Every structure is written in C-alpha cells, then in structure tokens.
Amino acid sequence: MNVEQKTAEALLNKGIKVRVTAPLLLRLIGIRKIRPVVRSPYLGTLHRISLLFLASGITPDQLESVDEASAHDLYTKYTGMLTQVMAQAILNGQWRGKVFGKLLAKYLVWHCDAIEMMTIAHIMVSLNSKTAFTNTIRSVSSMTTTRPNLSQATQGS
C-alpha cells in the first residue's frame, strides 16, 4: 500500500496499523508483535507534532527524497524526533501525549522497524502540510450555505 493510500485512510479515520515488537510481559505469554493504530490526529496532536518538526529543522523535501545515502544521515540526526512524532501519533491525546510520549518514543527506538517509522513520519508531514490546510480553508470558504438557491425560476400565474 503506497503512502497516498495510507494518508487517505488516516484522513478517513480508519487508521493505520503499525507493527511493533511487543513488550516483555506480552512476549512471555506468546504475543510477539502488537499493532497499535495511528488514527487521524486531533488538532492538539498536530500542533505538538508541528512543534517537534520546527524544533528539529527537518524539511518535508528531505523526507520526500530519501535514498540510501540520505537515509543514514536522517537516521542519525532525526531518530529521536521521528520516534517522538510516531509516539504522539499513536497516543493522540492531550494527557496521554504529555505523560507517555517520551517513554513510548524511547521504547519505539529499539522496537520499531525503520520503514514503519519513516512511513508514519511521512504521513504526519503530509497531514501537517500547508497545502492540505489551505485547501481545507478554501473549500470551507467556498461553501455558502446561507445564499439563496437561484436555480428555481419564478413562475407567474
């Protein structure tokens, strides 16, 4: 499934399942992987993720054009920030993000696949992009629900 389809599913609030190695207690009873679901984020979560991206200095173009050489550079510089973005996207709540965000991010560093991490980061960047925001504002501003319907012709008797 490509990134555009995953972004559309997140926007439709279906959610995206992420495969993560289960914690030790779950592995002891036989559960090897857990699949938390990343749903479309609340506005507060998007704000928190935007603050993380702004503090890191990473650009969306860097995430778009990832090749072998730049992938290692991205991993060394931005792994902490990307796992915090992923943790905030998974938790998606005001208090859950504040209380458990850094703890989950540290767990994800050692128990999450790099492909999953980059996919979630790319989706969060695309949900955070200014074009999506401005397109939403344009479509809402073009909706004039109080304007009278002029398609009906008046007929006299």
N, C-alpha and C. Protein backbone atom coordinates (compact mmCIF):
# COMPACT_ATOMS: atom_id res chain seq x y z
N MET A 1 0.85 -1.17 0.00
CA MET A 1 0.00 0.00 0.00
C MET A 1 0.90 1.24 0.00
N ASN A 2 0.65 2.17 -0.91
CA ASN A 2 1.52 3.34 -1.00
C ASN A 2 1.14 4.39 0.03
N VAL A 3 1.94 5.43 0.12
CA VAL A 3 1.80 6.44 1.16
C VAL A 3 0.53 7.25 0.97
N GLU A 4 0.15 7.53 -0.28
CA GLU A 4 -1.06 8.31 -0.52
C GLU A 4 -2.30 7.56 -0.02
N GLN A 5 -2.34 6.24 -0.23
CA GLN A 5 -3.47 5.46 0.26
C GLN A 5 -3.49 5.43 1.78
N LYS A 6 -2.32 5.33 2.39
CA LYS A 6 -2.26 5.33 3.85
C LYS A 6 -2.69 6.68 4.41
N THR A 7 -2.32 7.75 3.73
CA THR A 7 -2.73 9.08 4.16
C THR A 7 -4.24 9.23 4.04
N ALA A 8 -4.80 8.74 2.95
CA ALA A 8 -6.26 8.82 2.77
C ALA A 8 -6.98 8.02 3.84
N GLU A 9 -6.45 6.84 4.19
CA GLU A 9 -7.08 6.05 5.25
C GLU A 9 -7.00 6.76 6.59
N ALA A 10 -5.87 7.42 6.85
CA ALA A 10 -5.75 8.16 8.10
C ALA A 10 -6.74 9.31 8.13
N LEU A 11 -6.92 9.99 6.99
CA LEU A 11 -7.88 11.08 6.93
C LEU A 11 -9.31 10.59 7.09
N LEU A 12 -9.58 9.40 6.64
CA LEU A 12 -10.92 8.83 6.78
C LEU A 12 -11.13 8.20 8.14
N ASN A 13 -10.15 8.32 9.01
CA ASN A 13 -10.20 7.82 10.39
C ASN A 13 -10.29 6.31 10.47
N LYS A 14 -9.85 5.61 9.42
CA LYS A 14 -9.73 4.17 9.52
C LYS A 14 -8.55 3.80 10.38
N GLY A 15 -7.49 4.55 10.22
CA GLY A 15 -6.29 4.29 10.98
C GLY A 15 -5.31 3.44 10.20
N ILE A 16 -4.07 3.52 10.63
CA ILE A 16 -3.00 2.75 10.02
C ILE A 16 -2.39 1.89 11.11
N LYS A 17 -2.32 0.60 10.87
CA LYS A 17 -1.73 -0.30 11.86
C LYS A 17 -0.22 -0.30 11.70
N VAL A 18 0.46 -0.18 12.84
CA VAL A 18 1.91 -0.17 12.87
C VAL A 18 2.36 -1.43 13.60
N ARG A 19 3.33 -2.13 13.03
CA ARG A 19 3.84 -3.35 13.68
C ARG A 19 5.02 -2.99 14.58
N VAL A 20 4.88 -3.32 15.87
CA VAL A 20 5.91 -3.04 16.85
C VAL A 20 6.13 -4.31 17.67
N THR A 21 7.38 -4.58 18.03
CA THR A 21 7.67 -5.72 18.90
C THR A 21 6.99 -5.50 20.24
N ALA A 22 6.36 -6.54 20.74
CA ALA A 22 5.59 -6.44 21.98
C ALA A 22 6.53 -6.27 23.18
N PRO A 23 6.03 -5.64 24.25
CA PRO A 23 6.82 -5.56 25.47
C PRO A 23 7.08 -6.95 26.06
N LEU A 24 8.02 -7.01 26.99
CA LEU A 24 8.47 -8.30 27.54
C LEU A 24 7.34 -9.10 28.16
N LEU A 25 6.45 -8.46 28.88
CA LEU A 25 5.36 -9.20 29.53
C LEU A 25 4.46 -9.89 28.50
N LEU A 26 4.18 -9.22 27.41
CA LEU A 26 3.36 -9.83 26.36
C LEU A 26 4.11 -10.92 25.62
N ARG A 27 5.42 -10.75 25.44
CA ARG A 27 6.20 -11.79 24.76
C ARG A 27 6.28 -13.05 25.60
N LEU A 28 6.23 -12.91 26.92
CA LEU A 28 6.27 -14.09 27.79
C LEU A 28 5.03 -14.96 27.63
N ILE A 29 3.90 -14.34 27.28
CA ILE A 29 2.68 -15.14 27.09
C ILE A 29 2.44 -15.49 25.62
N GLY A 30 3.41 -15.18 24.76
CA GLY A 30 3.33 -15.63 23.37
C GLY A 30 2.97 -14.60 22.33
N ILE A 31 2.73 -13.37 22.73
CA ILE A 31 2.40 -12.33 21.76
C ILE A 31 3.70 -11.65 21.34
N ARG A 32 4.07 -11.83 20.09
CA ARG A 32 5.35 -11.31 19.60
C ARG A 32 5.27 -9.88 19.08
N LYS A 33 4.20 -9.55 18.40
CA LYS A 33 4.03 -8.22 17.81
C LYS A 33 2.71 -7.63 18.29
N ILE A 34 2.73 -6.32 18.49
CA ILE A 34 1.49 -5.59 18.74
C ILE A 34 1.27 -4.66 17.57
N ARG A 35 0.03 -4.29 17.34
CA ARG A 35 -0.31 -3.44 16.20
C ARG A 35 -1.12 -2.24 16.65
N PRO A 36 -0.45 -1.22 17.23
CA PRO A 36 -1.21 -0.01 17.56
C PRO A 36 -1.68 0.67 16.29
N VAL A 37 -2.79 1.36 16.40
CA VAL A 37 -3.41 2.01 15.25
C VAL A 37 -3.18 3.52 15.34
N VAL A 38 -2.67 4.09 14.27
CA VAL A 38 -2.49 5.53 14.18
C VAL A 38 -3.70 6.08 13.43
N ARG A 39 -4.51 6.83 14.14
CA ARG A 39 -5.71 7.44 13.53
C ARG A 39 -5.41 8.89 13.17
N SER A 40 -6.36 9.52 12.51
CA SER A 40 -6.13 10.92 12.15
C SER A 40 -6.00 11.73 13.44
N PRO A 41 -4.96 12.54 13.53
CA PRO A 41 -4.66 13.22 14.79
C PRO A 41 -5.60 14.38 15.08
N TYR A 42 -5.77 14.62 16.38
CA TYR A 42 -6.52 15.79 16.81
C TYR A 42 -5.69 17.04 16.52
N LEU A 43 -6.33 18.18 16.58
CA LEU A 43 -5.63 19.43 16.29
C LEU A 43 -4.50 19.68 17.29
N GLY A 44 -4.72 19.34 18.55
CA GLY A 44 -3.68 19.50 19.55
C GLY A 44 -2.48 18.60 19.28
N THR A 45 -2.74 17.38 18.80
CA THR A 45 -1.65 16.47 18.45
C THR A 45 -0.90 16.99 17.25
N LEU A 46 -1.60 17.53 16.26
CA LEU A 46 -0.92 18.13 15.11
C LEU A 46 -0.07 19.32 15.52
N HIS A 47 -0.56 20.07 16.48
CA HIS A 47 0.22 21.21 16.98
C HIS A 47 1.49 20.73 17.66
N ARG A 48 1.37 19.70 18.48
CA ARG A 48 2.54 19.14 19.17
C ARG A 48 3.55 18.57 18.17
N ILE A 49 3.06 17.91 17.13
CA ILE A 49 3.94 17.35 16.10
C ILE A 49 4.59 18.48 15.30
N SER A 50 3.84 19.54 15.02
CA SER A 50 4.42 20.68 14.31
C SER A 50 5.54 21.32 15.10
N LEU A 51 5.37 21.42 16.41
CA LEU A 51 6.43 21.97 17.26
C LEU A 51 7.68 21.09 17.21
N LEU A 52 7.48 19.78 17.18
CA LEU A 52 8.63 18.87 17.09
C LEU A 52 9.37 19.05 15.77
N PHE A 53 8.62 19.15 14.66
CA PHE A 53 9.25 19.34 13.35
C PHE A 53 9.97 20.67 13.26
N LEU A 54 9.37 21.72 13.80
CA LEU A 54 10.02 23.03 13.75
C LEU A 54 11.29 23.06 14.59
N ALA A 55 11.27 22.39 15.72
CA ALA A 55 12.46 22.36 16.58
C ALA A 55 13.59 21.56 15.94
N SER A 56 13.26 20.57 15.12
CA SER A 56 14.31 19.72 14.54
C SER A 56 14.97 20.35 13.33
N GLY A 57 14.23 21.15 12.58
CA GLY A 57 14.79 21.78 11.38
C GLY A 57 14.71 20.90 10.14
N ILE A 58 14.03 19.77 10.21
CA ILE A 58 13.88 18.90 9.04
C ILE A 58 12.84 19.50 8.10
N THR A 59 13.06 19.33 6.81
CA THR A 59 12.11 19.85 5.83
C THR A 59 11.34 18.70 5.21
N PRO A 60 10.13 18.95 4.72
CA PRO A 60 9.38 17.89 4.04
C PRO A 60 10.10 17.36 2.80
N ASP A 61 10.89 18.21 2.15
CA ASP A 61 11.64 17.76 0.97
C ASP A 61 12.67 16.70 1.33
N GLN A 62 13.25 16.80 2.53
CA GLN A 62 14.20 15.79 2.97
C GLN A 62 13.53 14.44 3.17
N LEU A 63 12.29 14.46 3.67
CA LEU A 63 11.57 13.20 3.85
C LEU A 63 11.06 12.65 2.52
N GLU A 64 10.76 13.52 1.57
CA GLU A 64 10.28 13.08 0.26
C GLU A 64 11.37 12.39 -0.54
N SER A 65 12.57 12.95 -0.52
CA SER A 65 13.65 12.44 -1.37
C SER A 65 14.66 11.65 -0.54
N VAL A 66 14.21 10.55 0.02
CA VAL A 66 15.10 9.70 0.82
C VAL A 66 15.69 8.62 -0.08
N ASP A 67 17.02 8.57 -0.14
CA ASP A 67 17.70 7.49 -0.83
C ASP A 67 18.65 6.84 0.18
N GLU A 68 19.48 5.91 -0.28
CA GLU A 68 20.36 5.17 0.62
C GLU A 68 21.32 6.09 1.38
N ALA A 69 21.89 7.05 0.69
CA ALA A 69 22.87 7.93 1.33
C ALA A 69 22.22 8.86 2.34
N SER A 70 21.08 9.42 1.97
CA SER A 70 20.45 10.37 2.88
C SER A 70 19.67 9.68 4.00
N ALA A 71 19.32 8.42 3.83
CA ALA A 71 18.58 7.70 4.88
C ALA A 71 19.42 7.57 6.14
N HIS A 72 20.68 7.23 6.00
CA HIS A 72 21.54 7.09 7.18
C HIS A 72 21.76 8.43 7.86
N ASP A 73 21.85 9.48 7.07
CA ASP A 73 22.00 10.81 7.64
C ASP A 73 20.74 11.20 8.41
N LEU A 74 19.56 10.89 7.85
CA LEU A 74 18.31 11.17 8.54
C LEU A 74 18.20 10.37 9.83
N TYR A 75 18.60 9.10 9.80
CA TYR A 75 18.51 8.27 11.00
C TYR A 75 19.38 8.82 12.12
N THR A 76 20.60 9.23 11.79
CA THR A 76 21.49 9.70 12.85
C THR A 76 21.03 11.04 13.42
N LYS A 77 20.49 11.91 12.59
CA LYS A 77 20.11 13.23 13.07
C LYS A 77 18.72 13.28 13.69
N TYR A 78 17.77 12.54 13.12
CA TYR A 78 16.37 12.77 13.46
C TYR A 78 15.64 11.57 14.05
N THR A 79 16.33 10.54 14.49
CA THR A 79 15.65 9.37 15.03
C THR A 79 14.83 9.72 16.27
N GLY A 80 15.40 10.52 17.15
CA GLY A 80 14.66 10.90 18.36
C GLY A 80 13.40 11.67 18.05
N MET A 81 13.50 12.62 17.13
CA MET A 81 12.34 13.42 16.76
C MET A 81 11.29 12.57 16.04
N LEU A 82 11.73 11.69 15.14
CA LEU A 82 10.78 10.87 14.40
C LEU A 82 10.05 9.89 15.31
N THR A 83 10.75 9.33 16.30
CA THR A 83 10.07 8.44 17.24
C THR A 83 9.12 9.22 18.15
N GLN A 84 9.45 10.46 18.47
CA GLN A 84 8.52 11.27 19.26
C GLN A 84 7.27 11.61 18.45
N VAL A 85 7.46 11.87 17.16
CA VAL A 85 6.30 12.11 16.28
C VAL A 85 5.44 10.86 16.21
N MET A 86 6.08 9.72 16.06
CA MET A 86 5.34 8.45 15.99
C MET A 86 4.61 8.18 17.30
N ALA A 87 5.26 8.45 18.44
CA ALA A 87 4.63 8.24 19.74
C ALA A 87 3.42 9.16 19.92
N GLN A 88 3.57 10.42 19.52
CA GLN A 88 2.45 11.35 19.64
C GLN A 88 1.30 10.94 18.72
N ALA A 89 1.63 10.43 17.54
CA ALA A 89 0.58 9.99 16.60
C ALA A 89 -0.15 8.76 17.14
N ILE A 90 0.57 7.85 17.78
CA ILE A 90 -0.06 6.65 18.34
C ILE A 90 -0.92 7.02 19.54
N LEU A 91 -0.39 7.85 20.44
CA LEU A 91 -1.13 8.20 21.66
C LEU A 91 -2.30 9.13 21.36
N ASN A 92 -2.09 10.17 20.55
CA ASN A 92 -3.15 11.05 20.04
C ASN A 92 -4.10 11.54 21.13
N GLY A 93 -3.57 12.18 22.11
CA GLY A 93 -4.41 12.73 23.16
C GLY A 93 -3.66 13.77 23.96
N GLN A 94 -4.41 14.60 24.69
CA GLN A 94 -3.79 15.70 25.41
C GLN A 94 -2.89 15.18 26.53
N TRP A 95 -3.43 14.39 27.43
CA TRP A 95 -2.65 13.93 28.57
C TRP A 95 -1.81 12.71 28.24
N ARG A 96 -2.32 11.84 27.39
CA ARG A 96 -1.53 10.66 27.02
C ARG A 96 -0.23 11.06 26.36
N GLY A 97 -0.30 12.05 25.48
CA GLY A 97 0.90 12.51 24.78
C GLY A 97 1.90 13.16 25.72
N LYS A 98 1.41 13.95 26.68
CA LYS A 98 2.32 14.60 27.62
C LYS A 98 2.95 13.61 28.58
N VAL A 99 2.15 12.68 29.10
CA VAL A 99 2.64 11.77 30.14
C VAL A 99 3.48 10.64 29.56
N PHE A 100 2.99 10.00 28.50
CA PHE A 100 3.64 8.81 27.99
C PHE A 100 4.42 9.00 26.70
N GLY A 101 4.44 10.22 26.15
CA GLY A 101 5.06 10.46 24.84
C GLY A 101 6.53 10.12 24.79
N LYS A 102 7.32 10.64 25.71
CA LYS A 102 8.76 10.40 25.69
C LYS A 102 9.09 8.95 26.04
N LEU A 103 8.33 8.36 26.94
CA LEU A 103 8.55 6.96 27.30
C LEU A 103 8.28 6.04 26.11
N LEU A 104 7.17 6.27 25.41
CA LEU A 104 6.86 5.46 24.23
C LEU A 104 7.88 5.70 23.12
N ALA A 105 8.35 6.94 22.97
CA ALA A 105 9.36 7.23 21.95
C ALA A 105 10.65 6.46 22.22
N LYS A 106 11.07 6.39 23.47
CA LYS A 106 12.28 5.62 23.80
C LYS A 106 12.07 4.14 23.55
N TYR A 107 10.88 3.65 23.80
CA TYR A 107 10.58 2.24 23.52
C TYR A 107 10.61 1.98 22.02
N LEU A 108 10.04 2.90 21.24
CA LEU A 108 9.96 2.70 19.79
C LEU A 108 11.33 2.74 19.12
N VAL A 109 12.30 3.42 19.71
CA VAL A 109 13.64 3.46 19.13
C VAL A 109 14.20 2.05 18.97
N TRP A 110 13.95 1.20 19.94
CA TRP A 110 14.54 -0.14 19.93
C TRP A 110 13.58 -1.23 19.46
N HIS A 111 12.31 -0.92 19.32
CA HIS A 111 11.35 -1.97 18.98
C HIS A 111 10.50 -1.69 17.75
N CYS A 112 10.87 -0.70 16.97
CA CYS A 112 10.09 -0.36 15.78
C CYS A 112 10.97 -0.46 14.54
N ASP A 113 10.38 -0.89 13.46
CA ASP A 113 11.07 -1.00 12.19
C ASP A 113 11.28 0.40 11.59
N ALA A 114 12.39 0.60 10.91
CA ALA A 114 12.70 1.91 10.34
C ALA A 114 11.70 2.28 9.24
N ILE A 115 11.22 1.30 8.50
CA ILE A 115 10.25 1.59 7.44
C ILE A 115 8.95 2.09 8.04
N GLU A 116 8.50 1.47 9.12
CA GLU A 116 7.28 1.92 9.79
C GLU A 116 7.45 3.34 10.31
N MET A 117 8.61 3.62 10.89
CA MET A 117 8.87 4.95 11.44
C MET A 117 8.84 6.00 10.34
N MET A 118 9.49 5.75 9.22
CA MET A 118 9.52 6.72 8.13
C MET A 118 8.14 6.90 7.49
N THR A 119 7.35 5.82 7.42
CA THR A 119 6.01 5.92 6.86
C THR A 119 5.12 6.81 7.72
N ILE A 120 5.15 6.59 9.03
CA ILE A 120 4.34 7.40 9.94
C ILE A 120 4.80 8.86 9.90
N ALA A 121 6.11 9.08 9.87
CA ALA A 121 6.61 10.45 9.81
C ALA A 121 6.18 11.12 8.51
N HIS A 122 6.22 10.39 7.40
CA HIS A 122 5.80 10.97 6.12
C HIS A 122 4.31 11.30 6.13
N ILE A 123 3.51 10.43 6.72
CA ILE A 123 2.08 10.68 6.80
C ILE A 123 1.79 11.90 7.66
N MET A 124 2.48 12.01 8.78
CA MET A 124 2.28 13.17 9.65
C MET A 124 2.71 14.46 8.97
N VAL A 125 3.78 14.40 8.18
CA VAL A 125 4.20 15.59 7.43
C VAL A 125 3.15 15.95 6.39
N SER A 126 2.60 14.95 5.70
CA SER A 126 1.60 15.27 4.67
C SER A 126 0.31 15.76 5.30
N LEU A 127 -0.03 15.27 6.50
CA LEU A 127 -1.22 15.79 7.18
C LEU A 127 -0.97 17.19 7.72
N ASN A 128 0.27 17.52 7.96
CA ASN A 128 0.64 18.81 8.51
C ASN A 128 0.97 19.84 7.44
N SER A 129 0.92 19.46 6.19
CA SER A 129 1.38 20.37 5.14
C SER A 129 0.45 21.56 4.99
N LYS A 130 1.01 22.67 4.54
CA LYS A 130 0.20 23.88 4.38
C LYS A 130 -0.79 23.74 3.24
N THR A 131 -0.48 22.92 2.23
CA THR A 131 -1.42 22.79 1.11
C THR A 131 -2.70 22.11 1.56
N ALA A 132 -2.59 21.10 2.42
CA ALA A 132 -3.80 20.45 2.92
C ALA A 132 -4.62 21.43 3.76
N PHE A 133 -3.93 22.21 4.57
CA PHE A 133 -4.63 23.18 5.41
C PHE A 133 -5.28 24.27 4.57
N THR A 134 -4.55 24.82 3.61
CA THR A 134 -5.12 25.90 2.79
C THR A 134 -6.22 25.38 1.87
N ASN A 135 -6.10 24.15 1.38
CA ASN A 135 -7.18 23.58 0.57
C ASN A 135 -8.44 23.41 1.40
N THR A 136 -8.29 23.00 2.66
CA THR A 136 -9.45 22.86 3.53
C THR A 136 -10.10 24.21 3.78
N ILE A 137 -9.29 25.22 4.03
CA ILE A 137 -9.83 26.56 4.26
C ILE A 137 -10.54 27.07 3.02
N ARG A 138 -9.94 26.85 1.84
CA ARG A 138 -10.58 27.30 0.59
C ARG A 138 -11.92 26.61 0.36
N SER A 139 -11.96 25.30 0.60
CA SER A 139 -13.21 24.58 0.35
C SER A 139 -14.29 24.99 1.33
N VAL A 140 -13.92 25.26 2.57
CA VAL A 140 -14.91 25.70 3.54
C VAL A 140 -15.38 27.12 3.23
N SER A 141 -14.46 27.99 2.79
CA SER A 141 -14.87 29.36 2.48
C SER A 141 -15.73 29.43 1.23
N SER A 142 -15.61 28.47 0.33
CA SER A 142 -16.44 28.50 -0.88
C SER A 142 -17.85 27.96 -0.62
N MET A 143 -18.04 27.33 0.51
CA MET A 143 -19.37 26.81 0.85
C MET A 143 -20.21 27.97 1.39
N THR A 144 -21.23 28.32 0.68
CA THR A 144 -22.12 29.38 1.12
C THR A 144 -23.49 28.76 1.35
N THR A 145 -23.71 28.33 2.56
CA THR A 145 -24.96 27.62 2.84
C THR A 145 -26.14 28.56 3.05
N THR A 146 -25.86 29.83 3.32
CA THR A 146 -26.97 30.75 3.56
C THR A 146 -27.43 31.49 2.32
N ARG A 147 -26.70 31.33 1.21
CA ARG A 147 -27.09 32.00 -0.03
C ARG A 147 -28.34 31.34 -0.59
N PRO A 148 -29.28 32.13 -1.09
CA PRO A 148 -30.50 31.53 -1.66
C PRO A 148 -30.19 30.75 -2.93
N ASN A 149 -30.98 29.74 -3.15
CA ASN A 149 -30.83 28.91 -4.34
C ASN A 149 -31.49 29.63 -5.50
N LEU A 150 -30.70 30.04 -6.49
CA LEU A 150 -31.23 30.82 -7.60
C LEU A 150 -31.58 29.97 -8.81
N SER A 151 -31.51 28.69 -8.66
CA SER A 151 -31.78 27.84 -9.82
C SER A 151 -33.27 27.70 -10.12
N GLN A 152 -34.09 28.03 -9.15
CA GLN A 152 -35.51 27.91 -9.39
C GLN A 152 -36.04 29.22 -10.02
N ALA A 153 -36.70 29.07 -11.12
CA ALA A 153 -37.27 30.24 -11.80
C ALA A 153 -38.64 30.53 -11.21
N THR A 154 -38.90 31.78 -11.04
CA THR A 154 -40.23 32.16 -10.53
C THR A 154 -41.21 32.14 -11.67
N GLN A 155 -42.34 31.57 -11.43
CA GLN A 155 -43.37 31.47 -12.48
C GLN A 155 -44.60 32.23 -12.00
N GLY A 156 -45.08 33.03 -12.87
CA GLY A 156 -46.31 33.76 -12.54
C GLY A 156 -47.52 32.96 -13.02
N SER A 157 -48.70 33.32 -12.52
CA SER A 157 -49.88 32.61 -12.95
C SER A 157 -50.63 33.30 -14.03
